[in-house]
Amino acid sequence: MRNDKTSSLVVAYICLLLYYGFAIHLPISYSRLGGRFAKYIRAFCVRHIFKRCGKNVNVEHGARFGKGFNIEIGDNSGIGVNCFVPDGSVIGNDVMMGPNCYIHAHNHKYDRNDLPMREQGFTEWKPIVIDDDVWIGKDVSIMAGRHISKGSIIAANCVLTKDFPEYSVVGGNPSRMIKTRNK
């Protein structure tokens, strides 16, 4: 049993090196020149890196996820071009993510006035959970600990600072509910 665990960890690190050394730089998946190949190579890598990786996953050009060993991503979901997803994130099925999204897992502490903020360290690591059938627009910032509910749409350029109910359409800085998709 120990050899299986050790060998899978070795494979994960090799795929991590392959991803950051090569696959991250391949063209976007919808490029006519090599896009399908690039999508396949990146999916192959993350399948061996992520804790759980569903079918038909699309990790785009420039996407970063640290080591990624504790990321879970469901079927038919994607991480957009130049996005950052921290380790420990959970992404459901059928999640679309636009380019340049940044998901925060923690922040700087700032509660003491006798110390510069840069010396106060960081807040507690809070993972992100994204439920099924979510659309996250371009240039969205998601603050630490957020739970994006099923069927929600997060509008482009939104700074998501709190949680909203299922089927919400959310936008703005700070985020606010624009409308609901429930009828």
N, C-alpha and C. Protein backbone atom coordinates (compact mmCIF):
# COMPACT_ATOMS: atom_id res chain seq x y z
N MET A 1 0.83 -1.19 0.00
CA MET A 1 0.00 0.00 0.00
C MET A 1 0.87 1.25 0.00
N ARG A 2 1.90 1.26 0.81
CA ARG A 2 2.76 2.43 0.90
C ARG A 2 3.41 2.73 -0.45
N ASN A 3 3.80 1.70 -1.20
CA ASN A 3 4.41 1.91 -2.50
C ASN A 3 3.44 2.55 -3.48
N ASP A 4 2.14 2.18 -3.42
CA ASP A 4 1.13 2.79 -4.29
C ASP A 4 0.99 4.28 -3.99
N LYS A 5 0.95 4.62 -2.71
CA LYS A 5 0.81 6.01 -2.31
C LYS A 5 2.05 6.82 -2.72
N THR A 6 3.22 6.24 -2.50
CA THR A 6 4.47 6.91 -2.86
C THR A 6 4.57 7.09 -4.36
N SER A 7 4.24 6.05 -5.13
CA SER A 7 4.33 6.17 -6.58
C SER A 7 3.32 7.16 -7.14
N SER A 8 2.11 7.22 -6.57
CA SER A 8 1.13 8.20 -7.05
C SER A 8 1.57 9.63 -6.71
N LEU A 9 2.26 9.82 -5.59
CA LEU A 9 2.79 11.13 -5.24
C LEU A 9 3.91 11.53 -6.19
N VAL A 10 4.74 10.58 -6.57
CA VAL A 10 5.81 10.84 -7.54
C VAL A 10 5.21 11.24 -8.88
N VAL A 11 4.18 10.51 -9.33
CA VAL A 11 3.49 10.84 -10.57
C VAL A 11 2.88 12.23 -10.48
N ALA A 12 2.28 12.56 -9.34
CA ALA A 12 1.67 13.88 -9.16
C ALA A 12 2.73 14.98 -9.28
N TYR A 13 3.89 14.80 -8.66
CA TYR A 13 4.95 15.80 -8.76
C TYR A 13 5.51 15.90 -10.19
N ILE A 14 5.63 14.78 -10.87
CA ILE A 14 6.09 14.82 -12.27
C ILE A 14 5.08 15.58 -13.13
N CYS A 15 3.80 15.32 -12.92
CA CYS A 15 2.76 16.03 -13.68
C CYS A 15 2.72 17.51 -13.31
N LEU A 16 3.00 17.84 -12.06
CA LEU A 16 3.07 19.23 -11.64
C LEU A 16 4.22 19.94 -12.36
N LEU A 17 5.37 19.29 -12.44
CA LEU A 17 6.50 19.85 -13.19
C LEU A 17 6.19 19.98 -14.67
N LEU A 18 5.54 18.98 -15.24
CA LEU A 18 5.14 19.02 -16.64
C LEU A 18 4.14 20.14 -16.89
N TYR A 19 3.21 20.31 -15.96
CA TYR A 19 2.20 21.36 -16.12
C TYR A 19 2.86 22.75 -16.11
N TYR A 20 3.59 23.06 -15.03
CA TYR A 20 4.17 24.41 -14.90
C TYR A 20 5.35 24.65 -15.84
N GLY A 21 6.03 23.61 -16.25
CA GLY A 21 7.17 23.77 -17.15
C GLY A 21 6.78 23.82 -18.62
N PHE A 22 5.62 23.25 -18.96
CA PHE A 22 5.27 23.10 -20.37
C PHE A 22 3.79 23.40 -20.65
N ALA A 23 2.90 22.65 -20.03
CA ALA A 23 1.48 22.69 -20.39
C ALA A 23 0.81 24.04 -20.14
N ILE A 24 1.23 24.75 -19.11
CA ILE A 24 0.63 26.05 -18.79
C ILE A 24 0.84 27.05 -19.93
N HIS A 25 1.87 26.84 -20.73
CA HIS A 25 2.23 27.77 -21.80
C HIS A 25 1.61 27.41 -23.15
N LEU A 26 0.96 26.26 -23.23
CA LEU A 26 0.34 25.84 -24.49
C LEU A 26 -0.84 26.76 -24.83
N PRO A 27 -1.27 26.78 -26.09
CA PRO A 27 -2.35 27.70 -26.49
C PRO A 27 -3.67 27.41 -25.79
N ILE A 28 -4.57 28.39 -25.87
CA ILE A 28 -5.92 28.23 -25.31
C ILE A 28 -6.61 27.06 -26.00
N SER A 29 -7.56 26.45 -25.34
CA SER A 29 -8.18 25.22 -25.83
C SER A 29 -8.97 25.41 -27.12
N TYR A 30 -9.45 26.61 -27.39
CA TYR A 30 -10.23 26.84 -28.61
C TYR A 30 -9.39 27.42 -29.75
N SER A 31 -8.07 27.39 -29.59
CA SER A 31 -7.18 27.80 -30.66
C SER A 31 -7.22 26.78 -31.79
N ARG A 32 -7.23 27.26 -33.01
CA ARG A 32 -7.24 26.35 -34.16
C ARG A 32 -5.92 25.59 -34.28
N LEU A 33 -4.87 26.22 -33.81
CA LEU A 33 -3.55 25.61 -33.91
C LEU A 33 -3.14 25.00 -32.57
N GLY A 34 -3.44 23.74 -32.39
CA GLY A 34 -2.99 23.02 -31.20
C GLY A 34 -3.88 23.12 -29.98
N GLY A 35 -5.05 23.74 -30.10
CA GLY A 35 -5.92 23.91 -28.94
C GLY A 35 -6.41 22.61 -28.33
N ARG A 36 -6.83 21.67 -29.17
CA ARG A 36 -7.31 20.38 -28.67
C ARG A 36 -6.19 19.62 -27.95
N PHE A 37 -5.01 19.63 -28.55
CA PHE A 37 -3.84 18.99 -27.95
C PHE A 37 -3.52 19.62 -26.60
N ALA A 38 -3.53 20.95 -26.53
CA ALA A 38 -3.23 21.67 -25.29
C ALA A 38 -4.23 21.31 -24.20
N LYS A 39 -5.51 21.29 -24.55
CA LYS A 39 -6.55 20.93 -23.58
C LYS A 39 -6.31 19.52 -23.05
N TYR A 40 -5.98 18.59 -23.94
CA TYR A 40 -5.75 17.20 -23.54
C TYR A 40 -4.55 17.10 -22.59
N ILE A 41 -3.46 17.77 -22.93
CA ILE A 41 -2.24 17.70 -22.10
C ILE A 41 -2.50 18.28 -20.71
N ARG A 42 -3.15 19.44 -20.65
CA ARG A 42 -3.43 20.05 -19.33
C ARG A 42 -4.37 19.17 -18.52
N ALA A 43 -5.39 18.59 -19.16
CA ALA A 43 -6.33 17.71 -18.46
C ALA A 43 -5.60 16.46 -17.94
N PHE A 44 -4.70 15.92 -18.75
CA PHE A 44 -3.92 14.76 -18.32
C PHE A 44 -3.13 15.10 -17.05
N CYS A 45 -2.49 16.26 -17.05
CA CYS A 45 -1.68 16.67 -15.88
C CYS A 45 -2.54 16.80 -14.63
N VAL A 46 -3.64 17.59 -14.72
CA VAL A 46 -4.43 17.84 -13.51
C VAL A 46 -5.15 16.59 -13.02
N ARG A 47 -5.42 15.65 -13.92
CA ARG A 47 -6.05 14.40 -13.50
C ARG A 47 -5.15 13.66 -12.50
N HIS A 48 -3.83 13.86 -12.62
CA HIS A 48 -2.89 13.21 -11.72
C HIS A 48 -2.46 14.11 -10.55
N ILE A 49 -2.82 15.39 -10.63
CA ILE A 49 -2.44 16.34 -9.59
C ILE A 49 -3.58 16.54 -8.59
N PHE A 50 -4.77 16.86 -9.10
CA PHE A 50 -5.90 17.21 -8.24
C PHE A 50 -6.37 16.02 -7.42
N LYS A 51 -6.94 16.32 -6.28
CA LYS A 51 -7.50 15.29 -5.38
C LYS A 51 -8.62 14.54 -6.09
N ARG A 52 -9.47 15.28 -6.82
CA ARG A 52 -10.54 14.67 -7.62
C ARG A 52 -10.69 15.48 -8.89
N CYS A 53 -10.79 14.79 -10.00
CA CYS A 53 -10.90 15.45 -11.31
C CYS A 53 -11.95 14.71 -12.13
N GLY A 54 -13.02 15.41 -12.46
CA GLY A 54 -14.11 14.82 -13.23
C GLY A 54 -13.77 14.63 -14.69
N LYS A 55 -14.78 14.26 -15.46
CA LYS A 55 -14.63 14.05 -16.90
C LYS A 55 -14.77 15.38 -17.63
N ASN A 56 -14.11 15.48 -18.76
CA ASN A 56 -14.20 16.65 -19.64
C ASN A 56 -13.86 17.96 -18.90
N VAL A 57 -12.80 17.94 -18.13
CA VAL A 57 -12.33 19.13 -17.42
C VAL A 57 -11.44 19.94 -18.35
N ASN A 58 -11.58 21.26 -18.30
CA ASN A 58 -10.78 22.15 -19.14
C ASN A 58 -10.04 23.16 -18.27
N VAL A 59 -8.75 23.00 -18.19
CA VAL A 59 -7.90 23.96 -17.49
C VAL A 59 -7.19 24.76 -18.58
N GLU A 60 -7.43 26.04 -18.62
CA GLU A 60 -6.97 26.88 -19.73
C GLU A 60 -5.52 27.35 -19.57
N HIS A 61 -5.03 27.92 -20.64
CA HIS A 61 -3.70 28.52 -20.73
C HIS A 61 -3.47 29.48 -19.55
N GLY A 62 -2.36 29.35 -18.88
CA GLY A 62 -1.98 30.27 -17.82
C GLY A 62 -2.65 30.07 -16.48
N ALA A 63 -3.54 29.07 -16.36
CA ALA A 63 -4.22 28.84 -15.08
C ALA A 63 -3.22 28.34 -14.04
N ARG A 64 -3.33 28.88 -12.82
CA ARG A 64 -2.42 28.51 -11.74
C ARG A 64 -3.23 27.98 -10.55
N PHE A 65 -2.65 27.04 -9.83
CA PHE A 65 -3.35 26.44 -8.70
C PHE A 65 -2.40 25.96 -7.62
N GLY A 66 -1.23 26.58 -7.51
CA GLY A 66 -0.26 26.14 -6.52
C GLY A 66 0.12 24.69 -6.76
N LYS A 67 0.22 23.90 -5.71
CA LYS A 67 0.46 22.46 -5.89
C LYS A 67 -0.80 21.76 -6.37
N GLY A 68 -1.95 22.19 -5.91
CA GLY A 68 -3.21 21.65 -6.40
C GLY A 68 -3.60 20.28 -5.89
N PHE A 69 -2.86 19.72 -4.95
CA PHE A 69 -3.11 18.36 -4.50
C PHE A 69 -4.46 18.20 -3.78
N ASN A 70 -5.03 19.28 -3.28
CA ASN A 70 -6.31 19.20 -2.55
C ASN A 70 -7.45 19.88 -3.28
N ILE A 71 -7.30 20.12 -4.57
CA ILE A 71 -8.38 20.71 -5.37
C ILE A 71 -9.28 19.60 -5.88
N GLU A 72 -10.58 19.87 -5.85
CA GLU A 72 -11.57 18.96 -6.42
C GLU A 72 -12.32 19.71 -7.51
N ILE A 73 -12.48 19.08 -8.68
CA ILE A 73 -13.21 19.69 -9.78
C ILE A 73 -14.09 18.64 -10.42
N GLY A 74 -15.34 19.01 -10.71
CA GLY A 74 -16.32 18.07 -11.22
C GLY A 74 -16.34 17.97 -12.74
N ASP A 75 -17.27 17.18 -13.24
CA ASP A 75 -17.43 16.94 -14.67
C ASP A 75 -17.79 18.23 -15.41
N ASN A 76 -17.26 18.36 -16.62
CA ASN A 76 -17.60 19.46 -17.54
C ASN A 76 -17.33 20.84 -16.95
N SER A 77 -16.35 20.95 -16.08
CA SER A 77 -16.01 22.23 -15.47
C SER A 77 -14.67 22.73 -15.98
N GLY A 78 -14.44 24.03 -15.83
CA GLY A 78 -13.20 24.59 -16.31
C GLY A 78 -12.64 25.67 -15.42
N ILE A 79 -11.35 25.88 -15.56
CA ILE A 79 -10.64 26.98 -14.92
C ILE A 79 -10.16 27.86 -16.07
N GLY A 80 -10.56 29.13 -16.06
CA GLY A 80 -10.33 30.03 -17.18
C GLY A 80 -8.88 30.43 -17.40
N VAL A 81 -8.68 31.11 -18.53
CA VAL A 81 -7.36 31.62 -18.93
C VAL A 81 -6.83 32.55 -17.83
N ASN A 82 -5.59 32.30 -17.42
CA ASN A 82 -4.89 33.12 -16.42
C ASN A 82 -5.60 33.23 -15.08
N CYS A 83 -6.37 32.24 -14.70
CA CYS A 83 -7.06 32.25 -13.40
C CYS A 83 -6.15 31.68 -12.32
N PHE A 84 -6.46 32.02 -11.08
CA PHE A 84 -5.77 31.44 -9.93
C PHE A 84 -6.80 30.80 -9.02
N VAL A 85 -6.61 29.51 -8.74
CA VAL A 85 -7.48 28.75 -7.84
C VAL A 85 -6.59 28.18 -6.74
N PRO A 86 -6.83 28.55 -5.48
CA PRO A 86 -5.96 28.05 -4.41
C PRO A 86 -6.22 26.59 -4.07
N ASP A 87 -5.22 25.95 -3.51
CA ASP A 87 -5.33 24.58 -3.06
C ASP A 87 -6.46 24.48 -2.04
N GLY A 88 -7.22 23.40 -2.09
CA GLY A 88 -8.32 23.20 -1.17
C GLY A 88 -9.66 23.64 -1.73
N SER A 89 -9.68 24.25 -2.91
CA SER A 89 -10.93 24.68 -3.52
C SER A 89 -11.72 23.47 -4.01
N VAL A 90 -13.05 23.61 -3.95
CA VAL A 90 -13.94 22.58 -4.45
C VAL A 90 -14.81 23.21 -5.53
N ILE A 91 -14.73 22.66 -6.74
CA ILE A 91 -15.47 23.16 -7.89
C ILE A 91 -16.39 22.05 -8.35
N GLY A 92 -17.69 22.34 -8.43
CA GLY A 92 -18.69 21.33 -8.78
C GLY A 92 -18.70 21.00 -10.27
N ASN A 93 -19.80 20.40 -10.70
CA ASN A 93 -20.01 20.03 -12.10
C ASN A 93 -20.53 21.23 -12.90
N ASP A 94 -20.20 21.27 -14.17
CA ASP A 94 -20.74 22.27 -15.11
C ASP A 94 -20.45 23.71 -14.68
N VAL A 95 -19.26 23.96 -14.19
CA VAL A 95 -18.86 25.31 -13.78
C VAL A 95 -18.05 25.95 -14.91
N MET A 96 -18.48 27.14 -15.31
CA MET A 96 -17.75 27.92 -16.32
C MET A 96 -17.04 29.07 -15.61
N MET A 97 -15.80 29.29 -15.96
CA MET A 97 -15.02 30.36 -15.33
C MET A 97 -14.35 31.17 -16.43
N GLY A 98 -14.64 32.47 -16.46
CA GLY A 98 -14.03 33.36 -17.45
C GLY A 98 -12.56 33.59 -17.15
N PRO A 99 -11.90 34.36 -18.02
CA PRO A 99 -10.47 34.62 -17.83
C PRO A 99 -10.19 35.56 -16.66
N ASN A 100 -8.98 35.46 -16.15
CA ASN A 100 -8.42 36.37 -15.15
C ASN A 100 -9.17 36.39 -13.82
N CYS A 101 -9.81 35.30 -13.44
CA CYS A 101 -10.46 35.23 -12.13
C CYS A 101 -9.40 34.91 -11.07
N TYR A 102 -9.60 35.48 -9.89
CA TYR A 102 -8.66 35.25 -8.80
C TYR A 102 -9.45 34.85 -7.57
N ILE A 103 -9.15 33.67 -7.06
CA ILE A 103 -9.83 33.17 -5.87
C ILE A 103 -8.85 33.27 -4.70
N HIS A 104 -9.25 33.98 -3.66
CA HIS A 104 -8.40 34.19 -2.49
C HIS A 104 -8.74 33.15 -1.44
N ALA A 105 -7.75 32.62 -0.77
CA ALA A 105 -7.98 31.66 0.31
C ALA A 105 -7.70 32.29 1.68
N HIS A 106 -6.97 33.38 1.70
CA HIS A 106 -6.69 34.11 2.95
C HIS A 106 -6.30 35.54 2.59
N ASN A 107 -6.08 36.34 3.61
CA ASN A 107 -5.74 37.74 3.40
C ASN A 107 -4.71 38.16 4.44
N HIS A 108 -4.20 39.37 4.33
CA HIS A 108 -3.28 39.90 5.33
C HIS A 108 -4.06 40.29 6.59
N LYS A 109 -3.44 40.11 7.73
CA LYS A 109 -4.01 40.62 8.98
C LYS A 109 -3.71 42.11 9.06
N TYR A 110 -4.59 42.84 9.74
CA TYR A 110 -4.40 44.29 9.84
C TYR A 110 -4.98 44.86 11.14
N ASP A 111 -5.25 43.98 12.11
CA ASP A 111 -5.93 44.43 13.33
C ASP A 111 -5.05 45.14 14.34
N ARG A 112 -3.73 45.07 14.22
CA ARG A 112 -2.85 45.76 15.17
C ARG A 112 -2.30 47.03 14.54
N ASN A 113 -2.29 48.10 15.32
CA ASN A 113 -1.76 49.37 14.84
C ASN A 113 -0.30 49.58 15.23
N ASP A 114 0.20 48.75 16.15
CA ASP A 114 1.58 48.90 16.61
C ASP A 114 2.58 48.17 15.71
N LEU A 115 2.10 47.41 14.74
CA LEU A 115 2.94 46.66 13.81
C LEU A 115 2.55 47.00 12.38
N PRO A 116 3.53 47.09 11.49
CA PRO A 116 3.16 47.25 10.07
C PRO A 116 2.35 46.03 9.61
N MET A 117 1.42 46.25 8.71
CA MET A 117 0.56 45.16 8.22
C MET A 117 1.37 44.02 7.62
N ARG A 118 2.47 44.35 6.97
CA ARG A 118 3.27 43.30 6.34
C ARG A 118 3.90 42.35 7.34
N GLU A 119 3.98 42.76 8.61
CA GLU A 119 4.56 41.92 9.66
C GLU A 119 3.51 41.17 10.47
N GLN A 120 2.24 41.36 10.18
CA GLN A 120 1.17 40.76 10.99
C GLN A 120 0.74 39.37 10.50
N GLY A 121 1.29 38.94 9.41
CA GLY A 121 0.95 37.61 8.92
C GLY A 121 -0.36 37.58 8.15
N PHE A 122 -0.94 36.38 8.10
CA PHE A 122 -2.13 36.17 7.28
C PHE A 122 -3.29 35.66 8.12
N THR A 123 -4.49 35.86 7.60
CA THR A 123 -5.68 35.31 8.23
C THR A 123 -5.72 33.81 8.01
N GLU A 124 -6.65 33.17 8.67
CA GLU A 124 -6.84 31.72 8.53
C GLU A 124 -7.18 31.36 7.09
N TRP A 125 -6.65 30.24 6.62
CA TRP A 125 -6.91 29.73 5.27
C TRP A 125 -8.36 29.26 5.21
N LYS A 126 -9.14 29.83 4.30
CA LYS A 126 -10.55 29.46 4.15
C LYS A 126 -10.80 29.02 2.71
N PRO A 127 -11.07 27.74 2.51
CA PRO A 127 -11.27 27.25 1.14
C PRO A 127 -12.56 27.78 0.52
N ILE A 128 -12.63 27.71 -0.79
CA ILE A 128 -13.77 28.16 -1.58
C ILE A 128 -14.54 26.93 -2.05
N VAL A 129 -15.88 27.03 -2.02
CA VAL A 129 -16.73 25.97 -2.56
C VAL A 129 -17.60 26.58 -3.64
N ILE A 130 -17.54 25.99 -4.83
CA ILE A 130 -18.37 26.44 -5.95
C ILE A 130 -19.27 25.26 -6.31
N ASP A 131 -20.58 25.44 -6.14
CA ASP A 131 -21.54 24.37 -6.42
C ASP A 131 -21.70 24.15 -7.93
N ASP A 132 -22.58 23.23 -8.30
CA ASP A 132 -22.83 22.88 -9.69
C ASP A 132 -23.50 24.01 -10.47
N ASP A 133 -23.28 24.01 -11.78
CA ASP A 133 -23.96 24.90 -12.72
C ASP A 133 -23.78 26.38 -12.35
N VAL A 134 -22.53 26.78 -12.21
CA VAL A 134 -22.20 28.17 -11.88
C VAL A 134 -21.42 28.78 -13.04
N TRP A 135 -21.71 30.03 -13.33
CA TRP A 135 -21.00 30.78 -14.36
C TRP A 135 -20.31 31.96 -13.67
N ILE A 136 -19.00 31.98 -13.75
CA ILE A 136 -18.20 33.05 -13.17
C ILE A 136 -17.61 33.85 -14.32
N GLY A 137 -17.94 35.13 -14.40
CA GLY A 137 -17.51 35.98 -15.50
C GLY A 137 -16.04 36.36 -15.43
N LYS A 138 -15.65 37.17 -16.39
CA LYS A 138 -14.26 37.63 -16.53
C LYS A 138 -13.85 38.56 -15.38
N ASP A 139 -12.60 38.43 -14.95
CA ASP A 139 -11.99 39.34 -13.97
C ASP A 139 -12.70 39.38 -12.62
N VAL A 140 -13.23 38.27 -12.18
CA VAL A 140 -13.91 38.19 -10.88
C VAL A 140 -12.89 37.91 -9.79
N SER A 141 -13.02 38.60 -8.65
CA SER A 141 -12.23 38.30 -7.45
C SER A 141 -13.17 37.68 -6.42
N ILE A 142 -12.81 36.51 -5.93
CA ILE A 142 -13.63 35.81 -4.95
C ILE A 142 -12.85 35.79 -3.64
N MET A 143 -13.41 36.40 -2.62
CA MET A 143 -12.74 36.50 -1.33
C MET A 143 -12.77 35.18 -0.58
N ALA A 144 -11.89 35.03 0.38
CA ALA A 144 -11.70 33.78 1.13
C ALA A 144 -12.99 33.30 1.79
N GLY A 145 -13.18 31.99 1.74
CA GLY A 145 -14.28 31.35 2.44
C GLY A 145 -15.64 31.44 1.78
N ARG A 146 -15.71 31.95 0.58
CA ARG A 146 -17.00 32.11 -0.10
C ARG A 146 -17.55 30.76 -0.56
N HIS A 147 -18.88 30.66 -0.54
CA HIS A 147 -19.60 29.50 -1.06
C HIS A 147 -20.52 30.02 -2.15
N ILE A 148 -20.24 29.64 -3.38
CA ILE A 148 -21.07 30.07 -4.51
C ILE A 148 -22.11 28.99 -4.74
N SER A 149 -23.37 29.34 -4.55
CA SER A 149 -24.47 28.38 -4.57
C SER A 149 -24.84 27.95 -5.98
N LYS A 150 -25.50 26.82 -6.05
CA LYS A 150 -25.92 26.18 -7.30
C LYS A 150 -26.67 27.15 -8.22
N GLY A 151 -26.32 27.10 -9.50
CA GLY A 151 -27.03 27.86 -10.52
C GLY A 151 -26.76 29.35 -10.52
N SER A 152 -25.78 29.82 -9.78
CA SER A 152 -25.52 31.25 -9.69
C SER A 152 -24.69 31.76 -10.86
N ILE A 153 -24.84 33.04 -11.12
CA ILE A 153 -24.04 33.75 -12.11
C ILE A 153 -23.33 34.87 -11.39
N ILE A 154 -22.01 34.93 -11.53
CA ILE A 154 -21.22 36.00 -10.94
C ILE A 154 -20.76 36.88 -12.10
N ALA A 155 -21.24 38.10 -12.16
CA ALA A 155 -20.99 38.99 -13.29
C ALA A 155 -19.52 39.40 -13.39
N ALA A 156 -19.13 39.77 -14.59
CA ALA A 156 -17.75 40.20 -14.86
C ALA A 156 -17.36 41.35 -13.93
N ASN A 157 -16.10 41.34 -13.51
CA ASN A 157 -15.50 42.38 -12.66
C ASN A 157 -16.08 42.45 -11.25
N CYS A 158 -16.83 41.46 -10.84
CA CYS A 158 -17.41 41.43 -9.50
C CYS A 158 -16.33 41.13 -8.47
N VAL A 159 -16.47 41.71 -7.29
CA VAL A 159 -15.66 41.35 -6.14
C VAL A 159 -16.62 40.66 -5.17
N LEU A 160 -16.55 39.33 -5.12
CA LEU A 160 -17.50 38.55 -4.34
C LEU A 160 -17.08 38.54 -2.88
N THR A 161 -17.83 39.26 -2.06
CA THR A 161 -17.47 39.44 -0.66
C THR A 161 -18.37 38.70 0.31
N LYS A 162 -19.49 38.14 -0.18
CA LYS A 162 -20.39 37.40 0.70
C LYS A 162 -21.10 36.32 -0.10
N ASP A 163 -21.83 35.47 0.61
CA ASP A 163 -22.55 34.36 -0.02
C ASP A 163 -23.97 34.78 -0.38
N PHE A 164 -24.52 34.15 -1.41
CA PHE A 164 -25.87 34.44 -1.88
C PHE A 164 -26.62 33.13 -2.08
N PRO A 165 -27.98 33.18 -2.12
CA PRO A 165 -28.76 31.96 -2.30
C PRO A 165 -28.60 31.35 -3.70
N GLU A 166 -29.10 30.13 -3.86
CA GLU A 166 -29.06 29.46 -5.15
C GLU A 166 -29.72 30.31 -6.23
N TYR A 167 -29.23 30.18 -7.44
CA TYR A 167 -29.76 30.83 -8.64
C TYR A 167 -29.74 32.35 -8.57
N SER A 168 -28.76 32.91 -7.88
CA SER A 168 -28.60 34.36 -7.80
C SER A 168 -27.76 34.86 -8.97
N VAL A 169 -28.07 36.06 -9.42
CA VAL A 169 -27.22 36.79 -10.36
C VAL A 169 -26.59 37.90 -9.54
N VAL A 170 -25.26 37.86 -9.42
CA VAL A 170 -24.53 38.73 -8.51
C VAL A 170 -23.54 39.57 -9.30
N GLY A 171 -23.38 40.84 -8.92
CA GLY A 171 -22.40 41.69 -9.56
C GLY A 171 -22.00 42.83 -8.65
N GLY A 172 -21.03 43.62 -9.11
CA GLY A 172 -20.63 44.82 -8.40
C GLY A 172 -19.43 44.66 -7.50
N ASN A 173 -19.00 45.80 -6.97
CA ASN A 173 -17.89 45.88 -6.04
C ASN A 173 -18.26 46.87 -4.94
N PRO A 174 -18.62 46.38 -3.75
CA PRO A 174 -18.72 44.99 -3.34
C PRO A 174 -19.95 44.32 -3.97
N SER A 175 -19.97 43.01 -3.89
CA SER A 175 -21.02 42.24 -4.55
C SER A 175 -22.40 42.49 -3.95
N ARG A 176 -23.39 42.44 -4.84
CA ARG A 176 -24.79 42.54 -4.42
C ARG A 176 -25.62 41.72 -5.38
N MET A 177 -26.79 41.29 -4.91
CA MET A 177 -27.66 40.50 -5.77
C MET A 177 -28.34 41.44 -6.77
N ILE A 178 -28.25 41.11 -8.03
CA ILE A 178 -28.91 41.88 -9.08
C ILE A 178 -30.31 41.35 -9.31
N LYS A 179 -30.43 40.03 -9.37
CA LYS A 179 -31.73 39.39 -9.50
C LYS A 179 -31.59 37.91 -9.19
N THR A 180 -32.70 37.19 -9.22
CA THR A 180 -32.68 35.75 -9.03
C THR A 180 -33.11 35.08 -10.33
N ARG A 181 -32.57 33.89 -10.57
CA ARG A 181 -32.96 33.12 -11.74
C ARG A 181 -34.17 32.24 -11.46
N ASN A 182 -34.61 32.16 -10.20
CA ASN A 182 -35.80 31.39 -9.85
C ASN A 182 -37.03 32.08 -10.41
N LYS A 183 -37.97 31.29 -10.89
CA LYS A 183 -39.19 31.87 -11.43
C LYS A 183 -40.38 31.52 -10.59
